[in-house]
Amino acid sequence: MSAPLVRLLENMNQAIVGKEEAVRLVLAALLSGGHALLEDVPGVGKTLLAKSLARSVQGRFHRVQCTPDLMPGDLTGTNIWNPQEAQFEFVPGPIFANVLLADEINRSTPRTQSALLEVMEEFQVTLDRVTHPVPQPFFVIATQNPIEYQGTFVLPEAQLDRFAVALSLGYPTAEQELQMLQRAQDKRDLSQLDPCISLQDVRSLQQATQQVRVAPPVQKYMLNLARATRDHAGVKLGISPRGVVTLQRTTQAIALLCGRDYALPDDVKFLAPYVLAHRMIPARGHAARDIIADLVDSLPVP
């Protein structure tokens, strides 16, 4: 494993207690050029994770609290008339960051949610026929509460498809929670977390991810897994071709995080629930993650 990646993992795990797997999944989304969706109750460390990542890579961090009255321009920015120059001037919104935390994204209206579609895929914002590129790297961490659905707007399939991984942090163990209390008592917070790599290092790691080898048998295994979801009796909408491409990219990233320059079938099996489940629409009475787990257990592994 490269030195910058080791430093990044150590730094993140120093800030986030007992969530090594979640940290790796979020970093896999970042290195693959995708984004991450965290589905969990409040207070389990989602904001801390996003802030820790931004601080670790010396990136610009913005947080947006999504509410029903949030407008698209509140995210993207808007053109404001400049009387001195006698012309409109673009004022960037919080979307122009390296790490954007869209908190409780499903509380914003579909119109506001759609403001993220272009930038999450093409890393640019188009306003009044003028295109504005966002800083690179650009990474969105969105959260939503899986318990409270009153006053929310369900994310459409096109929006969910923009997220490379979807995961839950979950509650810490008793030992981990005790460690958190001790840290709070010692007043250890993000101000003590030193930046460990640069934005250029992140871009280099993203390029290194693209160089990780995925052998044809592993690619065939990914395809078989995706095609099996399309033919499954308990699935209304299976994995799209873009979902398969995302699975390959995140597989390359997780292999790099494991210190390898080649992908293994085990990488695919580990990632499948986090990369594929949120892209499916299961039939009534079925759970997407259970279907993925059954397919992973039943399909032959190369």
Protein backbone atom coordinates (compact mmCIF):
# COMPACT_ATOMS: atom_id res chain seq x y z
CA MET A 1 0.00 0.00 0.00
CA SER A 2 1.30 3.44 -0.92
CA ALA A 3 2.48 5.77 1.83
CA PRO A 4 -0.22 8.45 1.21
CA LEU A 5 -2.93 5.80 1.44
CA VAL A 6 -1.51 4.42 4.69
CA ARG A 7 -1.42 7.90 6.19
CA LEU A 8 -4.98 8.62 5.08
CA LEU A 9 -6.36 5.39 6.56
CA GLU A 10 -4.52 5.93 9.85
CA ASN A 11 -5.70 9.52 10.09
CA MET A 12 -9.33 8.64 9.40
CA ASN A 13 -9.34 5.76 11.87
CA GLN A 14 -7.84 8.08 14.48
CA ALA A 15 -10.91 10.31 14.19
CA ILE A 16 -13.61 7.66 13.63
CA VAL A 17 -13.67 5.11 16.45
CA GLY A 18 -14.20 1.48 15.47
CA LYS A 19 -15.52 2.05 11.95
CA GLU A 20 -12.58 0.80 9.86
CA GLU A 21 -14.82 -0.99 7.36
CA ALA A 22 -17.05 2.06 6.85
CA VAL A 23 -13.97 4.25 6.38
CA ARG A 24 -12.64 1.89 3.71
CA LEU A 25 -15.98 1.89 1.89
CA VAL A 26 -16.18 5.69 1.87
CA LEU A 27 -12.57 5.92 0.66
CA ALA A 28 -13.33 3.33 -2.03
CA ALA A 29 -16.13 5.59 -3.27
CA LEU A 30 -13.77 8.58 -3.29
CA LEU A 31 -10.94 6.76 -5.10
CA SER A 32 -13.34 5.33 -7.69
CA GLY A 33 -14.57 8.82 -8.56
CA GLY A 34 -18.01 8.18 -7.09
CA HIS A 35 -19.96 9.36 -4.05
CA ALA A 36 -21.27 7.86 -0.80
CA LEU A 37 -24.74 7.64 0.75
CA LEU A 38 -24.89 7.10 4.52
CA GLU A 39 -28.25 5.79 5.74
CA ASP A 40 -28.33 5.98 9.51
CA VAL A 41 -29.95 7.57 12.55
CA PRO A 42 -28.60 10.91 13.83
CA GLY A 43 -25.59 11.04 16.11
CA VAL A 44 -23.51 8.07 14.93
CA GLY A 45 -20.67 10.05 13.32
CA LYS A 46 -21.70 10.77 9.73
CA THR A 47 -20.78 14.46 9.86
CA LEU A 48 -17.58 13.65 11.74
CA LEU A 49 -16.57 11.23 9.01
CA ALA A 50 -17.10 13.83 6.27
CA LYS A 51 -15.25 16.56 8.17
CA SER A 52 -12.38 14.21 9.03
CA LEU A 53 -11.96 13.26 5.38
CA ALA A 54 -11.92 16.88 4.23
CA ARG A 55 -9.40 17.84 6.91
CA SER A 56 -7.19 14.83 6.20
CA VAL A 57 -6.82 15.72 2.50
CA GLN A 58 -6.60 19.50 3.08
CA GLY A 59 -9.83 19.95 1.11
CA ARG A 60 -12.55 22.56 1.22
CA PHE A 61 -15.55 21.28 3.19
CA HIS A 62 -19.13 22.52 2.96
CA ARG A 63 -22.19 21.20 4.76
CA VAL A 64 -25.74 21.75 3.56
CA GLN A 65 -28.72 20.97 5.78
CA CYS A 66 -31.36 19.83 3.32
CA THR A 67 -34.89 21.08 4.07
CA PRO A 68 -38.06 21.35 1.96
CA ASP A 69 -37.49 25.09 1.42
CA LEU A 70 -33.94 24.62 0.11
CA MET A 71 -33.79 25.83 -3.49
CA PRO A 72 -31.45 24.59 -6.26
CA GLY A 73 -29.67 27.95 -6.31
CA ASP A 74 -28.91 27.54 -2.60
CA LEU A 75 -26.71 24.64 -3.64
CA THR A 76 -25.29 25.62 -6.99
CA GLY A 77 -25.03 29.39 -6.58
CA THR A 78 -26.64 32.09 -8.68
CA ASN A 79 -25.97 35.05 -10.96
CA ILE A 80 -26.17 38.43 -9.22
CA TRP A 81 -26.21 41.79 -10.96
CA ASN A 82 -23.01 43.79 -10.46
CA PRO A 83 -23.85 47.48 -11.03
CA GLN A 84 -20.18 48.49 -11.10
CA GLU A 85 -19.41 46.12 -13.95
CA ALA A 86 -22.89 46.42 -15.48
CA GLN A 87 -23.15 42.65 -15.83
CA PHE A 88 -24.25 39.55 -13.97
CA GLU A 89 -21.65 37.91 -11.76
CA PHE A 90 -21.70 34.26 -10.74
CA VAL A 91 -21.62 33.70 -6.98
CA PRO A 92 -20.72 30.05 -6.29
CA GLY A 93 -22.84 28.04 -3.85
CA PRO A 94 -21.68 25.46 -1.29
CA ILE A 95 -21.55 22.81 -4.01
CA PHE A 96 -18.16 24.24 -4.97
CA ALA A 97 -16.17 22.22 -2.46
CA ASN A 98 -13.92 19.20 -2.39
CA VAL A 99 -16.11 17.40 0.15
CA LEU A 100 -19.81 18.29 0.22
CA LEU A 101 -22.01 16.92 3.00
CA ALA A 102 -25.67 16.92 1.94
CA ASP A 103 -27.29 16.22 5.30
CA GLU A 104 -30.70 14.50 5.19
CA ILE A 105 -30.80 14.78 1.42
CA ASN A 106 -34.25 13.21 1.23
CA ARG A 107 -35.76 16.20 3.07
CA SER A 108 -35.09 18.41 0.04
CA THR A 109 -37.59 18.53 -2.80
CA PRO A 110 -37.04 16.59 -6.05
CA ARG A 111 -36.24 19.87 -7.79
CA THR A 112 -33.37 20.54 -5.38
CA GLN A 113 -32.23 16.94 -5.45
CA SER A 114 -31.98 17.17 -9.24
CA ALA A 115 -29.50 20.06 -8.88
CA LEU A 116 -26.97 17.44 -7.81
CA LEU A 117 -27.48 15.14 -10.80
CA GLU A 118 -25.20 16.97 -13.23
CA VAL A 119 -22.42 17.80 -10.80
CA MET A 120 -22.22 14.28 -9.32
CA GLU A 121 -21.77 12.77 -12.77
CA GLU A 122 -19.96 15.43 -14.79
CA PHE A 123 -18.31 17.51 -12.02
CA GLN A 124 -19.73 20.76 -13.35
CA VAL A 125 -22.64 23.14 -12.83
CA THR A 126 -24.49 24.72 -15.74
CA LEU A 127 -26.33 27.96 -15.02
CA ASP A 128 -27.82 30.20 -17.69
CA ARG A 129 -26.02 28.16 -20.37
CA VAL A 130 -22.64 28.78 -18.74
CA THR A 131 -20.69 25.79 -17.38
CA HIS A 132 -18.73 26.12 -14.13
CA PRO A 133 -16.39 23.24 -13.17
CA VAL A 134 -16.26 22.30 -9.50
CA PRO A 135 -12.96 21.80 -7.63
CA GLN A 136 -11.18 18.48 -8.06
CA PRO A 137 -11.39 16.09 -6.41
CA PHE A 138 -15.13 16.52 -5.79
CA PHE A 139 -16.88 14.13 -3.43
CA VAL A 140 -20.45 14.11 -2.13
CA ILE A 141 -21.39 12.41 1.12
CA ALA A 142 -25.16 12.43 1.49
CA THR A 143 -27.08 11.22 4.53
CA GLN A 144 -30.63 10.18 5.15
CA ASN A 145 -32.48 8.95 8.22
CA PRO A 146 -33.93 5.46 7.59
CA ILE A 147 -36.44 5.81 10.45
CA GLU A 148 -38.21 9.16 10.00
CA TYR A 149 -39.99 9.45 6.66
CA GLN A 150 -42.44 12.24 7.48
CA GLY A 151 -41.78 15.30 5.33
CA THR A 152 -39.27 13.48 3.10
CA PHE A 153 -38.99 12.92 -0.64
CA VAL A 154 -37.74 9.49 -1.68
CA LEU A 155 -34.61 9.65 -3.82
CA PRO A 156 -35.40 8.55 -7.40
CA GLU A 157 -33.49 5.75 -9.07
CA ALA A 158 -31.45 8.20 -11.18
CA GLN A 159 -30.25 9.95 -8.01
CA LEU A 160 -29.44 6.71 -6.17
CA ASP A 161 -27.48 5.54 -9.19
CA ARG A 162 -25.05 8.45 -8.68
CA PHE A 163 -23.85 6.97 -5.38
CA ALA A 164 -21.05 4.43 -5.69
CA VAL A 165 -21.76 2.97 -2.25
CA ALA A 166 -24.59 3.09 0.26
CA LEU A 167 -23.89 2.00 3.82
CA SER A 168 -24.81 2.39 7.46
CA LEU A 169 -22.32 3.25 10.20
CA GLY A 170 -24.39 1.60 12.93
CA TYR A 171 -24.06 2.01 16.66
CA PRO A 172 -20.61 1.54 18.25
CA THR A 173 -19.83 -1.29 20.63
CA ALA A 174 -19.77 -0.60 24.36
CA GLU A 175 -15.95 -0.48 24.32
CA GLN A 176 -15.93 1.91 21.36
CA GLU A 177 -18.53 4.15 22.96
CA LEU A 178 -16.46 4.29 26.15
CA GLN A 179 -13.47 5.36 24.08
CA MET A 180 -15.61 8.11 22.55
CA LEU A 181 -16.57 9.36 26.02
CA GLN A 182 -12.92 9.42 27.06
CA ARG A 183 -12.01 11.41 23.97
CA ALA A 184 -14.80 13.89 24.68
CA GLN A 185 -13.61 14.29 28.26
CA ASP A 186 -10.04 14.88 27.07
CA LYS A 187 -11.44 17.44 24.60
CA ARG A 188 -9.88 15.69 21.63
CA ASP A 189 -11.66 16.88 18.51
CA LEU A 190 -11.09 17.59 14.84
CA SER A 191 -8.86 20.56 15.63
CA GLN A 192 -6.23 18.03 16.69
CA LEU A 193 -6.51 16.04 13.45
CA ASP A 194 -3.61 17.06 11.24
CA PRO A 195 -3.85 17.01 7.43
CA CYS A 196 -1.91 13.99 6.19
CA ILE A 197 -2.04 14.13 2.37
CA SER A 198 -2.77 16.75 -0.28
CA LEU A 199 -5.52 17.06 -2.88
CA GLN A 200 -2.90 16.20 -5.50
CA ASP A 201 -2.22 12.97 -3.60
CA VAL A 202 -5.93 12.15 -3.82
CA ARG A 203 -5.93 12.76 -7.57
CA SER A 204 -2.86 10.53 -7.90
CA LEU A 205 -4.58 7.78 -5.90
CA GLN A 206 -7.63 8.05 -8.15
CA GLN A 207 -5.38 7.60 -11.17
CA ALA A 208 -3.66 4.64 -9.49
CA THR A 209 -7.08 3.09 -8.89
CA GLN A 210 -7.76 3.10 -12.63
CA GLN A 211 -4.54 1.11 -13.17
CA VAL A 212 -5.60 -1.78 -10.90
CA ARG A 213 -5.98 -4.90 -13.06
CA VAL A 214 -9.34 -6.65 -13.26
CA ALA A 215 -8.92 -10.03 -14.95
CA PRO A 216 -11.58 -11.22 -17.43
CA PRO A 217 -12.83 -14.00 -15.09
CA VAL A 218 -13.47 -11.37 -12.37
CA GLN A 219 -15.27 -9.15 -14.89
CA LYS A 220 -17.36 -12.14 -15.97
CA TYR A 221 -18.25 -12.75 -12.32
CA MET A 222 -19.46 -9.14 -11.97
CA LEU A 223 -21.57 -9.47 -15.10
CA ASN A 224 -23.11 -12.76 -13.94
CA LEU A 225 -24.00 -11.14 -10.63
CA ALA A 226 -25.62 -8.12 -12.29
CA ARG A 227 -27.50 -10.17 -14.90
CA ALA A 228 -28.78 -12.51 -12.21
CA THR A 229 -30.53 -9.56 -10.53
CA ARG A 230 -32.36 -8.78 -13.79
CA ASP A 231 -33.72 -12.34 -14.02
CA HIS A 232 -34.52 -12.76 -10.32
CA ALA A 233 -38.19 -13.32 -9.53
CA GLY A 234 -37.98 -11.05 -6.49
CA VAL A 235 -36.58 -8.06 -8.38
CA LYS A 236 -38.63 -5.49 -10.28
CA LEU A 237 -35.61 -3.54 -11.54
CA GLY A 238 -32.18 -5.13 -11.73
CA ILE A 239 -28.68 -3.70 -11.95
CA SER A 240 -28.02 -1.40 -14.91
CA PRO A 241 -24.83 -1.49 -17.03
CA ARG A 242 -23.69 1.66 -15.23
CA GLY A 243 -24.05 -0.23 -11.97
CA VAL A 244 -21.68 -2.91 -13.28
CA VAL A 245 -19.12 -0.25 -14.28
CA THR A 246 -19.37 1.26 -10.81
CA LEU A 247 -18.87 -2.18 -9.25
CA GLN A 248 -15.67 -2.60 -11.26
CA ARG A 249 -14.37 0.86 -10.30
CA THR A 250 -15.03 0.35 -6.60
CA THR A 251 -13.51 -3.13 -6.81
CA GLN A 252 -10.34 -1.55 -8.17
CA ALA A 253 -10.41 0.96 -5.31
CA ILE A 254 -10.88 -1.64 -2.58
CA ALA A 255 -8.04 -3.70 -4.05
CA LEU A 256 -5.79 -0.62 -3.88
CA LEU A 257 -6.88 -0.08 -0.28
CA CYS A 258 -5.79 -3.65 0.43
CA GLY A 259 -2.35 -2.93 -1.04
CA ARG A 260 -2.85 -4.85 -4.30
CA ASP A 261 -2.62 -3.82 -7.96
CA TYR A 262 -5.10 -6.52 -9.00
CA ALA A 263 -8.71 -7.30 -8.05
CA LEU A 264 -10.00 -10.54 -6.57
CA PRO A 265 -13.46 -12.14 -6.61
CA ASP A 266 -13.51 -11.63 -2.83
CA ASP A 267 -13.38 -7.87 -3.46
CA VAL A 268 -16.53 -8.16 -5.55
CA LYS A 269 -18.28 -10.30 -2.93
CA PHE A 270 -17.42 -7.80 -0.18
CA LEU A 271 -18.61 -4.77 -2.17
CA ALA A 272 -21.75 -6.23 -3.77
CA PRO A 273 -24.21 -5.35 -0.96
CA TYR A 274 -22.89 -1.79 -0.69
CA VAL A 275 -22.65 -1.07 -4.43
CA LEU A 276 -25.61 -2.99 -5.86
CA ALA A 277 -28.42 -3.18 -3.29
CA HIS A 278 -29.48 0.49 -3.45
CA ARG A 279 -29.61 0.32 -7.26
CA MET A 280 -32.27 -2.40 -7.28
CA ILE A 281 -36.02 -2.24 -6.84
CA PRO A 282 -37.10 -5.45 -5.11
CA ALA A 283 -40.59 -6.86 -5.42
CA ARG A 284 -42.90 -6.56 -2.44
CA GLY A 285 -41.87 -8.86 0.38
CA HIS A 286 -38.24 -9.00 -0.71
CA ALA A 287 -35.17 -7.14 0.55
CA ALA A 288 -32.47 -6.04 -1.88
CA ARG A 289 -29.58 -6.92 0.43
CA ASP A 290 -30.97 -10.41 1.07
CA ILE A 291 -31.23 -11.00 -2.68
CA ILE A 292 -27.65 -9.87 -3.23
CA ALA A 293 -26.46 -12.10 -0.38
CA ASP A 294 -28.27 -15.11 -1.87
CA LEU A 295 -26.81 -14.48 -5.32
CA VAL A 296 -23.30 -14.08 -3.93
CA ASP A 297 -23.67 -17.41 -2.12
CA SER A 298 -25.14 -19.24 -5.10
CA LEU A 299 -23.14 -18.01 -8.11
CA PRO A 300 -19.91 -19.88 -8.92
CA VAL A 301 -16.78 -17.92 -8.04
CA PRO A 302 -13.86 -17.91 -10.52
